[in-house]
C-alpha cells in the first residue's frame, strides 16, 4: 500500500514537472530571476554611490524619519501595496533601518504587503461584477491572467518572492477565482522576500 502511494506521488510530481516544462513556467521563472538580480544589484550600487559621492543617504533617511510619522509611512505603503504596488518596497525597507525598531517595522511592512495582496485578491473578485472595469483590466492584464490560469499557486509564489508586483498577481488570482487558501498560503513567502532584501539593503544603510 505504501509503495503504491509513493509511486502515485512520484507520478504526480513527474506529471507536474512535465506540465510546467511544457507550458514554459520554468523559463518564465528563469527570466524573472534574471530580471530580479540586476535590480537588486543596481539598487545597492546606486545607494552606495549616492551615499558616498552625492548625498548622505543616512541623513536623508533620518530627515524622512523625522518629518513623517511611522503611521503616515505605513499608510502610504499599505495603499501602494493594495493598488498595483506603485511604490518600490526597497525605499521603505531602507527607511525601517533608521527607525528605533527596524526589525519590528520591517515585519510590519511585510505584513502590510501581504495583507495588501489579500485585499487585492478580493478586489479582483469584486471587479468581475463591474463590466467596464473587468473588460479594461482583462485587456491590460491579458498575459498575467493567462499565466495565472496556467500556473496558479506557483505564479503567486513568484509574485511573492520576485520583483513582480504582488498585488497584480493577487488581483489576477481573484479575477480567475483562484482559491483563497492558495493565495493566503503561498503569499506568506512575501515575508521571506522582505527578509532577503533587508539583509542586502541594511548593509548600505547604517
Foldseek 3Di string as FASTA:
>chain_A
DVVVVVVVVVVVVVVVVVLCVVVCVVVVLVVLVVVQVVVLVVVLVCLQCCCPPPHNVQVVLLVVPVVDPLVVVLVVLLVCLLPQNPDDCLVVLLSLLNDPHSVVSLQSSLVSNLVSLLNLLVVLQVVVVPVVSLVVVCVVCVVLLVVCVSPPLVVLLSCLATPRSNNVNSSSCSNVVPDSVSSNVSNVCNSVNSVVSSVSSVVSHD
